[in-house]
Amino acid sequence: MESGALHRNTAEGIKRAKIYSKRLTLPDSTQFELFMKEIENANGRDSRKCAELVRFLAYGGFRISETRNITWEDCDF
């Protein structure tokens, strides 16, 4: 537009997209423990390890993508 190649703004009619936030529904402690028992007792080879990972994510507040970068040096026992 400034150099005279266009006579109008082509982005003039574009509106911002609306951002919709998701409503977060978390289980209470009783529901969470029942969920953990279901995972542990699923009779899979790694059921116990899966339950431990879910607990680690839940109590640590981590996303799965964040846990990929956690090392033993990051853990303070």
C-alpha atoms as a PDB file:
ATOM      1  CA  MET A   1       0.000   0.000   0.000  1.00  0.00           C
ATOM      2  CA  GLU A   2       2.749   2.431   0.925  1.00  0.00           C
ATOM      3  CA  SER A   3       4.600   1.948  -2.347  1.00  0.00           C
ATOM      4  CA  GLY A   4       1.421   2.176  -4.437  1.00  0.00           C
ATOM      5  CA  ALA A   5       1.274  -1.478  -5.517  1.00  0.00           C
ATOM      6  CA  LEU A   6      -2.073  -1.975  -3.725  1.00  0.00           C
ATOM      7  CA  HIS A   7      -4.835   0.554  -3.429  1.00  0.00           C
ATOM      8  CA  ARG A   8      -6.572  -1.058  -0.478  1.00  0.00           C
ATOM      9  CA  ASN A   9      -5.688  -3.055   2.620  1.00  0.00           C
ATOM     10  CA  THR A  10      -6.354  -6.745   1.819  1.00  0.00           C
ATOM     11  CA  ALA A  11      -6.498  -7.639   5.532  1.00  0.00           C
ATOM     12  CA  GLU A  12      -9.163  -5.043   6.239  1.00  0.00           C
ATOM     13  CA  GLY A  13     -12.047  -7.506   6.564  1.00  0.00           C
ATOM     14  CA  ILE A  14     -10.218 -10.079   8.702  1.00  0.00           C
ATOM     15  CA  LYS A  15     -11.426 -10.346  12.285  1.00  0.00           C
ATOM     16  CA  ARG A  16      -9.592 -11.828  15.257  1.00  0.00           C
ATOM     17  CA  ALA A  17     -10.422 -15.414  16.072  1.00  0.00           C
ATOM     18  CA  LYS A  18     -12.242 -15.882  19.349  1.00  0.00           C
ATOM     19  CA  ILE A  19     -10.411 -17.829  22.027  1.00  0.00           C
ATOM     20  CA  TYR A  20     -12.561 -20.292  23.893  1.00  0.00           C
ATOM     21  CA  SER A  21     -11.216 -21.579  27.191  1.00  0.00           C
ATOM     22  CA  LYS A  22     -11.991 -25.133  28.189  1.00  0.00           C
ATOM     23  CA  ARG A  23     -13.663 -25.773  31.490  1.00  0.00           C
ATOM     24  CA  LEU A  24     -11.351 -27.910  33.609  1.00  0.00           C
ATOM     25  CA  THR A  25     -13.038 -30.627  35.647  1.00  0.00           C
ATOM     26  CA  LEU A  26     -10.753 -32.448  38.068  1.00  0.00           C
ATOM     27  CA  PRO A  27     -11.604 -35.507  40.155  1.00  0.00           C
ATOM     28  CA  ASP A  28     -11.715 -35.222  43.916  1.00  0.00           C
ATOM     29  CA  SER A  29      -9.199 -37.209  45.987  1.00  0.00           C
ATOM     30  CA  THR A  30     -11.508 -40.234  46.353  1.00  0.00           C
ATOM     31  CA  GLN A  31     -12.161 -40.441  42.626  1.00  0.00           C
ATOM     32  CA  PHE A  32      -8.457 -40.019  41.913  1.00  0.00           C
ATOM     33  CA  GLU A  33      -7.498 -42.894  44.228  1.00  0.00           C
ATOM     34  CA  LEU A  34     -10.141 -45.143  42.619  1.00  0.00           C
ATOM     35  CA  PHE A  35      -8.687 -44.222  39.250  1.00  0.00           C
ATOM     36  CA  MET A  36      -5.192 -45.124  40.477  1.00  0.00           C
ATOM     37  CA  LYS A  37      -6.390 -48.501  41.775  1.00  0.00           C
ATOM     38  CA  GLU A  38      -7.987 -49.233  38.393  1.00  0.00           C
ATOM     39  CA  ILE A  39      -4.715 -48.510  36.619  1.00  0.00           C
ATOM     40  CA  GLU A  40      -2.654 -50.594  39.087  1.00  0.00           C
ATOM     41  CA  ASN A  41      -5.023 -53.556  38.875  1.00  0.00           C
ATOM     42  CA  ALA A  42      -5.357 -53.553  35.078  1.00  0.00           C
ATOM     43  CA  ASN A  43      -3.316 -56.793  34.892  1.00  0.00           C
ATOM     44  CA  GLY A  44      -0.914 -55.297  32.403  1.00  0.00           C
ATOM     45  CA  ARG A  45       2.820 -55.875  32.501  1.00  0.00           C
ATOM     46  CA  ASP A  46       3.471 -52.217  33.331  1.00  0.00           C
ATOM     47  CA  SER A  47       0.251 -51.322  35.165  1.00  0.00           C
ATOM     48  CA  ARG A  48       2.045 -50.371  38.363  1.00  0.00           C
ATOM     49  CA  LYS A  49       4.578 -48.215  36.507  1.00  0.00           C
ATOM     50  CA  CYS A  50       1.758 -46.477  34.622  1.00  0.00           C
ATOM     51  CA  ALA A  51       0.011 -45.654  37.897  1.00  0.00           C
ATOM     52  CA  GLU A  52       3.256 -44.262  39.299  1.00  0.00           C
ATOM     53  CA  LEU A  53       3.673 -42.054  36.228  1.00  0.00           C
ATOM     54  CA  VAL A  54       0.116 -40.740  36.559  1.00  0.00           C
ATOM     55  CA  ARG A  55       0.702 -39.941  40.236  1.00  0.00           C
ATOM     56  CA  PHE A  56       3.987 -38.203  39.379  1.00  0.00           C
ATOM     57  CA  LEU A  57       2.250 -36.077  36.745  1.00  0.00           C
ATOM     58  CA  ALA A  58      -0.716 -35.265  38.973  1.00  0.00           C
ATOM     59  CA  TYR A  59       1.129 -34.419  42.174  1.00  0.00           C
ATOM     60  CA  GLY A  60       3.967 -32.653  40.376  1.00  0.00           C
ATOM     61  CA  GLY A  61       1.659 -30.648  38.125  1.00  0.00           C
ATOM     62  CA  PHE A  62       3.670 -31.658  35.055  1.00  0.00           C
ATOM     63  CA  ARG A  63       2.652 -32.062  31.460  1.00  0.00           C
ATOM     64  CA  ILE A  64       3.806 -35.226  29.706  1.00  0.00           C
ATOM     65  CA  SER A  65       6.006 -33.145  27.391  1.00  0.00           C
ATOM     66  CA  GLU A  66       7.731 -31.635  30.449  1.00  0.00           C
ATOM     67  CA  THR A  67       8.486 -35.013  32.028  1.00  0.00           C
ATOM     68  CA  ARG A  68      10.604 -36.012  29.041  1.00  0.00           C
ATOM     69  CA  ASN A  69      13.227 -33.518  30.185  1.00  0.00           C
ATOM     70  CA  ILE A  70      13.308 -34.409  33.905  1.00  0.00           C
ATOM     71  CA  THR A  71      16.452 -36.161  35.087  1.00  0.00           C
ATOM     72  CA  TRP A  72      17.439 -37.684  38.432  1.00  0.00           C
ATOM     73  CA  GLU A  73      19.510 -34.558  39.121  1.00  0.00           C
ATOM     74  CA  ASP A  74      16.256 -32.545  39.072  1.00  0.00           C
ATOM     75  CA  CYS A  75      14.744 -34.618  41.899  1.00  0.00           C
ATOM     76  CA  ASP A  76      15.253 -33.434  45.472  1.00  0.00           C
ATOM     77  CA  PHE A  77      14.436 -36.283  47.821  1.00  0.00           C
END
